[in-house]
Amino acid sequence: MGRPVAIIGSGQSNHGKRFDVTYPELVKEAVDAVFENTGISPEDIDGVVFGTMPSMMEGVALTHLYFADVLRAEGKPILKTETCGSTGISLAITGYYWVASGMADLVLVVGSEKMNEGDPQATMTTVLEPFYQRSFIAGAPGVFSMQSQAWSARFGIPEEKIRDAATRLSIDHHNDAFDNPHAHIKKRLTEDEVNNARIITYPVRLWDVCPASDGACAVLFASEEMAKKLGINAAWVKGIGYSGEEYWFGDSDKVEWQCAIDAAKQAYDMAGIKNPRKELDVAEVYNPFTFQELLYYECFGFCDFGEACDLTLKGVFSREGELPCDPSGGVLCTNPIGATGLNRVAEAALQVTGQADSRQIPGAKQALAHAMGGVVQFNGVMILGSEQ
């Protein structure tokens, strides 16, 4: 199990279409912020973990070397981790293990993406195997369209009910984003606007889909000794889980999604969680599509399969509900892919340390952070707590 590990600080850039800065300048915003927020000197870190969506997203190879100076990595070991959409949680778990193993006491973990300088949808479409998957799946929206329809059919959930629940999530999260100073999309939506927005891939409509964002996130992981020496209010890593499955989309069940279920179970077992809906105070669920967020509620044991829509419509997962999910606005409002999962970790850490400002969930002591990636084949979960 290794040594106890704490998150002692985070920093985020402002996210959006950041044509006002170069890519290195964007990364520097997050890195400078984490050092400013903690009062720690870059000279004190033992190493750096860095990653983006695979480099073709921005057309820049070897990004960890390109950013070595702004990452404050000169003369220090650097690890690069890339697992597509789950890159951020993979980065966090890499940083965790580096400290838990005893190889380092203070590690800087950074994720970034500058999606608007490339063509992210073209990348996500053409990265697939060319003979079968590429033409059939048609990128991320095509995958999640099929997943949502399979879920509806499997459990006999009426299409109208799913539409109502997805609309509720879209309205709630876009409202929540107004309380997040770093969020990309902030918009007051009506039911009519969401329900009548143009179809992207049926039944997914425009406001069910995350944006293409530019942004960066930086998080500091510390050993128990270092955290106590620095005297910083810390979020403790209580559990981690990571699981993957077949590359071919059709070769695994994406409804009762085993790698999502397994990743959550691994993290719950490590953290000693038996009833996640009761024992978690807040969850930052990776929600690039509203329909997929509903499915995750079920895979993570927040409710039984087939129940997510009913509970969402009752407000169980809203800011004021029993288990608030994505009070930051989540991926639906901000999606710099290489940083997105790490944003979930940073937001969860802010919640359990009482530093989430206007998006704070009162009394939050235990939080879940999650990301999904690969070719819809990886899921990772991290549980953070206010107490060691």
Protein backbone atom coordinates (compact mmCIF):
# COMPACT_ATOMS: atom_id res chain seq x y z
CA MET A 1 0.00 0.00 0.00
CA GLY A 2 2.97 2.33 0.51
CA ARG A 3 3.28 5.58 2.40
CA PRO A 4 0.37 7.97 3.04
CA VAL A 5 0.10 10.62 0.31
CA ALA A 6 -1.49 14.06 0.45
CA ILE A 7 -2.46 16.71 -2.08
CA ILE A 8 -1.21 19.99 -0.64
CA GLY A 9 -2.25 22.39 -3.37
CA SER A 10 -3.49 22.94 -6.90
CA GLY A 11 -3.58 25.59 -9.57
CA GLN A 12 -5.66 25.97 -12.71
CA SER A 13 -5.44 28.27 -15.68
CA ASN A 14 -8.56 29.98 -16.89
CA HIS A 15 -10.11 27.69 -19.48
CA GLY A 16 -11.65 28.59 -22.82
CA LYS A 17 -10.46 29.56 -26.27
CA ARG A 18 -7.12 30.93 -25.11
CA PHE A 19 -5.77 32.58 -28.24
CA ASP A 20 -4.34 35.29 -25.96
CA VAL A 21 -1.44 33.06 -24.85
CA THR A 22 0.99 30.58 -26.36
CA TYR A 23 0.84 26.97 -25.27
CA PRO A 24 3.83 27.28 -22.87
CA GLU A 25 2.29 30.42 -21.37
CA LEU A 26 -0.95 28.53 -20.76
CA VAL A 27 0.87 25.77 -18.88
CA LYS A 28 2.83 28.39 -16.93
CA GLU A 29 -0.43 29.89 -15.60
CA ALA A 30 -1.33 26.67 -13.78
CA VAL A 31 2.20 25.93 -12.59
CA ASP A 32 2.72 29.45 -11.25
CA ALA A 33 -0.67 29.28 -9.54
CA VAL A 34 0.09 26.10 -7.59
CA PHE A 35 3.34 27.52 -6.26
CA GLU A 36 1.70 30.83 -5.42
CA ASN A 37 -1.23 29.09 -3.70
CA THR A 38 1.05 26.95 -1.52
CA GLY A 39 4.03 29.25 -0.99
CA ILE A 40 6.35 26.42 -2.03
CA SER A 41 9.45 27.04 -4.14
CA PRO A 42 9.88 25.13 -7.42
CA GLU A 43 13.32 24.14 -6.18
CA ASP A 44 11.68 22.01 -3.48
CA ILE A 45 10.01 19.52 -5.84
CA ASP A 46 11.67 16.15 -6.47
CA GLY A 47 10.21 15.55 -9.92
CA VAL A 48 7.44 16.28 -12.41
CA VAL A 49 4.67 14.20 -13.97
CA PHE A 50 3.21 15.68 -17.14
CA GLY A 51 0.77 14.65 -19.85
CA THR A 52 -1.64 15.69 -22.58
CA MET A 53 -4.01 13.90 -24.91
CA PRO A 54 -1.66 12.16 -27.37
CA SER A 55 0.46 14.80 -29.04
CA MET A 56 -1.38 14.69 -32.37
CA MET A 57 -4.18 16.71 -30.75
CA GLU A 58 -2.14 19.90 -31.04
CA GLY A 59 0.42 18.72 -33.54
CA VAL A 60 3.25 19.14 -31.00
CA ALA A 61 5.48 16.15 -30.26
CA LEU A 62 7.43 15.58 -27.02
CA THR A 63 5.41 18.17 -25.13
CA HIS A 64 7.10 17.30 -21.81
CA LEU A 65 10.40 18.52 -23.28
CA TYR A 66 8.78 21.54 -24.97
CA PHE A 67 7.45 22.66 -21.57
CA ALA A 68 10.39 21.61 -19.38
CA ASP A 69 11.24 25.18 -18.39
CA VAL A 70 7.68 26.28 -17.52
CA LEU A 71 7.19 22.97 -15.67
CA ARG A 72 10.23 23.90 -13.53
CA ALA A 73 11.67 20.51 -14.45
CA GLU A 74 15.23 21.58 -15.32
CA GLY A 75 17.65 19.12 -13.74
CA LYS A 76 14.82 17.00 -12.30
CA PRO A 77 13.32 13.67 -13.39
CA ILE A 78 10.16 13.95 -15.47
CA LEU A 79 7.58 11.27 -16.24
CA LYS A 80 5.14 11.53 -19.15
CA THR A 81 1.75 9.82 -18.94
CA GLU A 82 -0.87 9.86 -21.72
CA THR A 83 -4.09 7.83 -21.82
CA CYS A 84 -6.37 10.09 -23.90
CA GLY A 85 -9.39 11.31 -21.92
CA SER A 86 -8.26 9.60 -18.71
CA THR A 87 -4.84 11.27 -18.87
CA GLY A 88 -5.61 13.54 -15.90
CA ILE A 89 -6.48 10.72 -13.50
CA SER A 90 -3.55 8.67 -14.86
CA LEU A 91 -1.27 11.61 -14.08
CA ALA A 92 -2.66 11.83 -10.53
CA ILE A 93 -2.19 8.10 -9.93
CA THR A 94 1.36 8.27 -11.35
CA GLY A 95 2.17 11.10 -8.94
CA TYR A 96 0.56 9.20 -6.08
CA TYR A 97 2.68 6.10 -6.69
CA TRP A 98 5.89 8.11 -7.02
CA VAL A 99 5.36 9.50 -3.52
CA ALA A 100 3.77 6.37 -1.97
CA SER A 101 6.73 4.28 -3.12
CA GLY A 102 9.20 6.46 -1.21
CA MET A 103 10.99 7.59 -4.37
CA ALA A 104 9.96 11.22 -3.83
CA ASP A 105 8.52 13.48 -1.14
CA LEU A 106 7.11 16.27 -3.30
CA VAL A 107 5.95 15.81 -6.89
CA LEU A 108 4.44 18.33 -9.28
CA VAL A 109 1.72 16.83 -11.52
CA VAL A 110 0.57 18.84 -14.56
CA GLY A 111 -1.90 18.20 -17.37
CA SER A 112 -2.69 20.50 -20.28
CA GLU A 113 -4.35 20.86 -23.66
CA LYS A 114 -4.66 23.61 -26.25
CA MET A 115 -7.44 22.09 -28.30
CA ASN A 116 -8.41 25.14 -30.31
CA GLU A 117 -5.09 25.26 -32.16
CA GLY A 118 -5.84 21.90 -33.76
CA ASP A 119 -8.86 19.87 -34.81
CA PRO A 120 -9.80 17.68 -31.84
CA GLN A 121 -12.81 16.01 -33.43
CA ALA A 122 -10.77 15.06 -36.49
CA THR A 123 -8.10 13.63 -34.19
CA MET A 124 -10.56 11.58 -32.15
CA THR A 125 -12.16 10.25 -35.32
CA THR A 126 -8.99 9.32 -37.22
CA VAL A 127 -7.11 7.88 -34.22
CA LEU A 128 -9.38 4.84 -34.42
CA GLU A 129 -8.56 1.65 -36.30
CA PRO A 130 -9.24 2.63 -39.95
CA PHE A 131 -11.07 -0.34 -41.49
CA TYR A 132 -13.95 -0.91 -39.09
CA GLN A 133 -14.08 1.42 -36.08
CA ARG A 134 -13.28 4.73 -37.74
CA SER A 135 -16.20 4.86 -40.16
CA PHE A 136 -18.63 3.15 -37.79
CA ILE A 137 -18.00 5.08 -34.59
CA ALA A 138 -17.46 8.59 -36.03
CA GLY A 139 -15.55 9.95 -33.03
CA ALA A 140 -16.57 10.44 -29.42
CA PRO A 141 -20.21 11.53 -30.02
CA GLY A 142 -20.88 8.39 -32.02
CA VAL A 143 -19.54 6.16 -29.25
CA PHE A 144 -21.60 7.78 -26.53
CA SER A 145 -24.72 7.90 -28.67
CA MET A 146 -24.58 4.11 -29.03
CA GLN A 147 -23.80 3.70 -25.34
CA SER A 148 -26.79 5.80 -24.26
CA GLN A 149 -29.18 3.95 -26.55
CA ALA A 150 -27.91 0.56 -25.38
CA TRP A 151 -28.41 1.64 -21.75
CA SER A 152 -31.97 2.78 -22.47
CA ALA A 153 -32.81 -0.50 -24.18
CA ARG A 154 -31.11 -2.71 -21.56
CA PHE A 155 -33.13 -1.37 -18.65
CA GLY A 156 -36.28 -0.30 -20.47
CA ILE A 157 -35.87 3.35 -19.55
CA PRO A 158 -38.29 5.53 -21.56
CA GLU A 159 -36.53 7.89 -23.94
CA GLU A 160 -38.54 10.83 -22.60
CA LYS A 161 -37.35 10.19 -19.05
CA ILE A 162 -33.71 10.03 -20.12
CA ARG A 163 -34.16 13.26 -22.07
CA ASP A 164 -35.66 14.97 -19.01
CA ALA A 165 -32.84 13.78 -16.73
CA ALA A 166 -30.13 14.77 -19.23
CA THR A 167 -31.71 18.20 -19.59
CA ARG A 168 -31.76 18.64 -15.81
CA LEU A 169 -28.04 17.82 -15.66
CA SER A 170 -27.20 20.22 -18.48
CA ILE A 171 -29.11 23.11 -16.90
CA ASP A 172 -27.68 22.43 -13.43
CA HIS A 173 -24.05 22.09 -14.53
CA HIS A 174 -24.08 25.15 -16.78
CA ASN A 175 -25.50 27.10 -13.83
CA ASP A 176 -22.87 25.62 -11.48
CA ALA A 177 -20.10 26.80 -13.80
CA PHE A 178 -20.86 30.42 -12.89
CA ASP A 179 -19.37 29.68 -9.45
CA ASN A 180 -16.17 28.28 -10.98
CA PRO A 181 -13.78 31.10 -11.96
CA HIS A 182 -11.84 28.74 -14.25
CA ALA A 183 -14.80 27.28 -16.19
CA HIS A 184 -15.09 27.64 -19.97
CA ILE A 185 -18.84 27.57 -20.73
CA LYS A 186 -21.16 29.51 -18.42
CA LYS A 187 -24.72 29.82 -19.67
CA ARG A 188 -28.22 30.05 -18.19
CA LEU A 189 -30.17 27.47 -20.15
CA THR A 190 -33.88 26.78 -20.37
CA GLU A 191 -35.48 23.38 -20.93
CA ASP A 192 -36.56 24.45 -24.41
CA GLU A 193 -33.04 25.49 -25.36
CA VAL A 194 -31.60 22.14 -24.30
CA ASN A 195 -34.41 19.99 -25.68
CA ASN A 196 -34.55 21.75 -29.05
CA ALA A 197 -30.84 22.25 -29.62
CA ARG A 198 -29.45 20.72 -32.79
CA ILE A 199 -28.71 17.00 -32.75
CA ILE A 200 -25.04 16.03 -32.75
CA THR A 201 -25.52 12.24 -32.89
CA TYR A 202 -28.98 11.08 -31.87
CA PRO A 203 -30.07 11.34 -29.07
CA VAL A 204 -27.17 13.62 -28.08
CA ARG A 205 -27.91 17.32 -28.58
CA LEU A 206 -25.61 20.33 -28.46
CA TRP A 207 -25.99 21.12 -24.75
CA ASP A 208 -25.40 17.47 -23.85
CA VAL A 209 -21.82 17.78 -25.12
CA CYS A 210 -18.62 19.17 -23.58
CA PRO A 211 -16.68 21.98 -25.30
CA ALA A 212 -13.19 21.95 -26.79
CA SER A 213 -11.21 23.90 -24.20
CA ASP A 214 -7.69 25.24 -23.80
CA GLY A 215 -6.37 24.94 -20.27
CA ALA A 216 -3.95 23.48 -17.74
CA CYS A 217 -4.03 22.14 -14.20
CA ALA A 218 -1.22 21.57 -11.68
CA VAL A 219 -1.37 19.57 -8.43
CA LEU A 220 1.27 18.97 -5.75
CA PHE A 221 1.48 15.50 -4.18
CA ALA A 222 3.43 15.19 -0.91
CA SER A 223 4.49 12.51 1.54
CA GLU A 224 3.03 12.52 5.04
CA GLU A 225 6.29 13.84 6.46
CA MET A 226 6.48 16.64 3.91
CA ALA A 227 2.82 17.60 4.30
CA LYS A 228 3.12 17.87 8.07
CA LYS A 229 6.44 19.72 7.81
CA LEU A 230 4.87 22.32 5.52
CA GLY A 231 1.77 22.61 7.73
CA ILE A 232 -0.58 22.99 4.75
CA ASN A 233 -4.24 22.00 4.90
CA ALA A 234 -4.10 18.76 2.91
CA ALA A 235 -6.42 16.38 1.09
CA TRP A 236 -5.37 12.78 1.76
CA VAL A 237 -5.51 10.09 -0.89
CA LYS A 238 -7.74 7.43 0.66
CA GLY A 239 -8.21 5.14 -2.33
CA ILE A 240 -7.34 4.70 -5.99
CA GLY A 241 -8.61 2.42 -8.74
CA TYR A 242 -7.83 2.02 -12.42
CA SER A 243 -9.14 -0.51 -14.90
CA GLY A 244 -9.13 -1.09 -18.64
CA GLU A 245 -10.66 -3.41 -21.18
CA GLU A 246 -10.68 -4.31 -24.88
CA TYR A 247 -9.62 -1.79 -27.53
CA TRP A 248 -12.48 -2.80 -29.84
CA PHE A 249 -15.59 -0.89 -28.82
CA GLY A 250 -17.96 -3.78 -29.52
CA ASP A 251 -15.96 -6.36 -27.54
CA SER A 252 -17.04 -5.21 -24.08
CA ASP A 253 -20.23 -4.24 -22.32
CA LYS A 254 -20.44 -0.45 -22.18
CA VAL A 255 -23.70 -0.42 -20.19
CA GLU A 256 -22.86 -2.51 -17.15
CA TRP A 257 -19.42 -1.13 -17.76
CA GLN A 258 -16.98 -3.48 -16.06
CA CYS A 259 -13.87 -1.29 -16.08
CA ALA A 260 -15.86 1.59 -14.53
CA ILE A 261 -17.35 -0.73 -11.92
CA ASP A 262 -13.95 -2.28 -11.16
CA ALA A 263 -12.11 1.06 -10.88
CA ALA A 264 -14.68 2.33 -8.39
CA LYS A 265 -14.61 -0.92 -6.41
CA GLN A 266 -10.81 -0.84 -6.15
CA ALA A 267 -10.93 2.72 -4.82
CA TYR A 268 -13.82 2.00 -2.45
CA ASP A 269 -12.10 -1.09 -1.04
CA MET A 270 -8.89 0.84 -0.41
CA ALA A 271 -10.81 3.70 1.22
CA GLY A 272 -13.08 1.39 3.22
CA ILE A 273 -16.25 2.68 1.54
CA LYS A 274 -19.25 0.36 1.62
CA ASN A 275 -22.09 2.71 0.67
CA PRO A 276 -20.76 5.41 -1.67
CA ARG A 277 -23.96 7.46 -1.84
CA LYS A 278 -23.98 7.78 1.94
CA GLU A 279 -20.23 7.95 2.62
CA LEU A 280 -19.19 10.35 -0.15
CA ASP A 281 -20.00 14.03 0.33
CA VAL A 282 -19.29 15.14 -3.24
CA ALA A 283 -18.24 13.57 -6.55
CA GLU A 284 -16.44 15.02 -9.55
CA VAL A 285 -17.63 12.55 -12.18
CA TYR A 286 -16.11 12.73 -15.66
CA ASN A 287 -19.13 13.87 -17.67
CA PRO A 288 -18.29 14.84 -21.27
CA PHE A 289 -21.86 13.84 -22.17
CA THR A 290 -24.96 14.12 -19.98
CA PHE A 291 -26.12 10.61 -20.87
CA GLN A 292 -22.82 9.11 -19.78
CA GLU A 293 -22.93 10.88 -16.42
CA LEU A 294 -26.24 9.17 -15.69
CA LEU A 295 -24.71 5.80 -16.51
CA TYR A 296 -21.75 6.48 -14.21
CA TYR A 297 -24.06 7.06 -11.26
CA GLU A 298 -25.13 3.45 -11.67
CA CYS A 299 -21.69 1.96 -12.38
CA PHE A 300 -20.27 3.70 -9.30
CA GLY A 301 -22.97 2.35 -7.02
CA PHE A 302 -24.61 5.70 -6.33
CA CYS A 303 -27.85 3.88 -7.22
CA ASP A 304 -29.01 0.64 -8.81
CA PHE A 305 -28.98 0.17 -12.58
CA GLY A 306 -31.99 1.82 -14.16
CA GLU A 307 -32.50 4.29 -11.28
CA ALA A 308 -30.25 7.22 -12.23
CA CYS A 309 -32.87 9.16 -14.19
CA ASP A 310 -35.49 9.02 -11.43
CA LEU A 311 -33.00 10.09 -8.74
CA THR A 312 -31.57 12.85 -10.92
CA LEU A 313 -35.04 14.27 -11.49
CA LYS A 314 -35.60 14.17 -7.72
CA GLY A 315 -32.46 16.28 -7.22
CA VAL A 316 -30.39 13.61 -5.43
CA PHE A 317 -27.23 14.53 -7.38
CA SER A 318 -27.72 18.32 -7.57
CA ARG A 319 -25.75 20.87 -5.54
CA GLU A 320 -28.29 20.77 -2.72
CA GLY A 321 -28.92 17.01 -3.00
CA GLU A 322 -27.84 13.95 -1.08
CA LEU A 323 -24.69 13.43 -3.18
CA PRO A 324 -23.74 16.58 -5.13
CA CYS A 325 -22.04 15.71 -8.40
CA ASP A 326 -19.86 18.10 -10.42
CA PRO A 327 -20.51 21.33 -8.50
CA SER A 328 -17.68 22.82 -10.59
CA GLY A 329 -19.76 22.38 -13.75
CA GLY A 330 -17.63 19.38 -14.64
CA VAL A 331 -16.37 18.28 -18.02
CA LEU A 332 -19.65 19.35 -19.59
CA CYS A 333 -18.54 22.97 -19.14
CA THR A 334 -14.74 22.66 -19.32
CA ASN A 335 -12.72 20.09 -21.26
CA PRO A 336 -8.99 20.62 -21.92
CA ILE A 337 -8.60 16.86 -22.35
CA GLY A 338 -5.08 16.32 -20.93
CA ALA A 339 -5.99 18.40 -17.87
CA THR A 340 -9.66 17.46 -17.52
CA GLY A 341 -9.26 14.44 -15.23
CA LEU A 342 -6.70 16.30 -13.13
CA ASN A 343 -9.20 19.15 -12.79
CA ARG A 344 -11.54 16.60 -11.19
CA VAL A 345 -8.83 15.71 -8.66
CA ALA A 346 -8.05 19.37 -7.97
CA GLU A 347 -11.73 20.20 -7.47
CA ALA A 348 -12.22 17.22 -5.15
CA ALA A 349 -9.18 18.30 -3.11
CA LEU A 350 -10.54 21.84 -2.83
CA GLN A 351 -13.86 20.45 -1.58
CA VAL A 352 -12.45 18.31 1.24
CA THR A 353 -10.12 21.09 2.40
CA GLY A 354 -12.94 23.64 2.43
CA GLN A 355 -11.29 25.82 -0.23
CA ALA A 356 -13.81 25.58 -3.08
CA ASP A 357 -15.17 29.09 -2.45
CA SER A 358 -18.64 29.69 -3.88
CA ARG A 359 -18.87 26.15 -5.25
CA GLN A 360 -18.08 24.62 -1.83
CA ILE A 361 -20.33 21.81 -0.60
CA PRO A 362 -20.81 22.53 3.14
CA GLY A 363 -19.09 20.00 5.38
CA ALA A 364 -17.52 17.97 2.58
CA LYS A 365 -15.05 15.50 4.09
CA GLN A 366 -14.79 12.75 1.46
CA ALA A 367 -14.83 13.15 -2.32
CA LEU A 368 -14.56 11.08 -5.48
CA ALA A 369 -12.63 12.17 -8.58
CA HIS A 370 -12.91 10.25 -11.85
CA ALA A 371 -11.86 10.22 -15.49
CA MET A 372 -12.44 8.01 -18.51
CA GLY A 373 -10.30 7.57 -21.61
CA GLY A 374 -8.50 5.46 -24.14
CA VAL A 375 -10.87 4.35 -26.89
CA VAL A 376 -13.65 4.28 -24.28
CA GLN A 377 -11.65 1.57 -22.49
CA PHE A 378 -10.09 3.08 -19.34
CA ASN A 379 -11.63 4.33 -16.10
CA GLY A 380 -9.80 5.71 -13.10
CA VAL A 381 -11.06 6.81 -9.67
CA MET A 382 -9.41 8.58 -6.73
CA ILE A 383 -10.97 9.05 -3.30
CA LEU A 384 -9.80 12.05 -1.28
CA GLY A 385 -10.48 12.77 2.37
CA SER A 386 -9.96 15.62 4.80
CA GLU A 387 -8.47 13.26 7.40
CA GLN A 388 -5.53 10.91 7.04
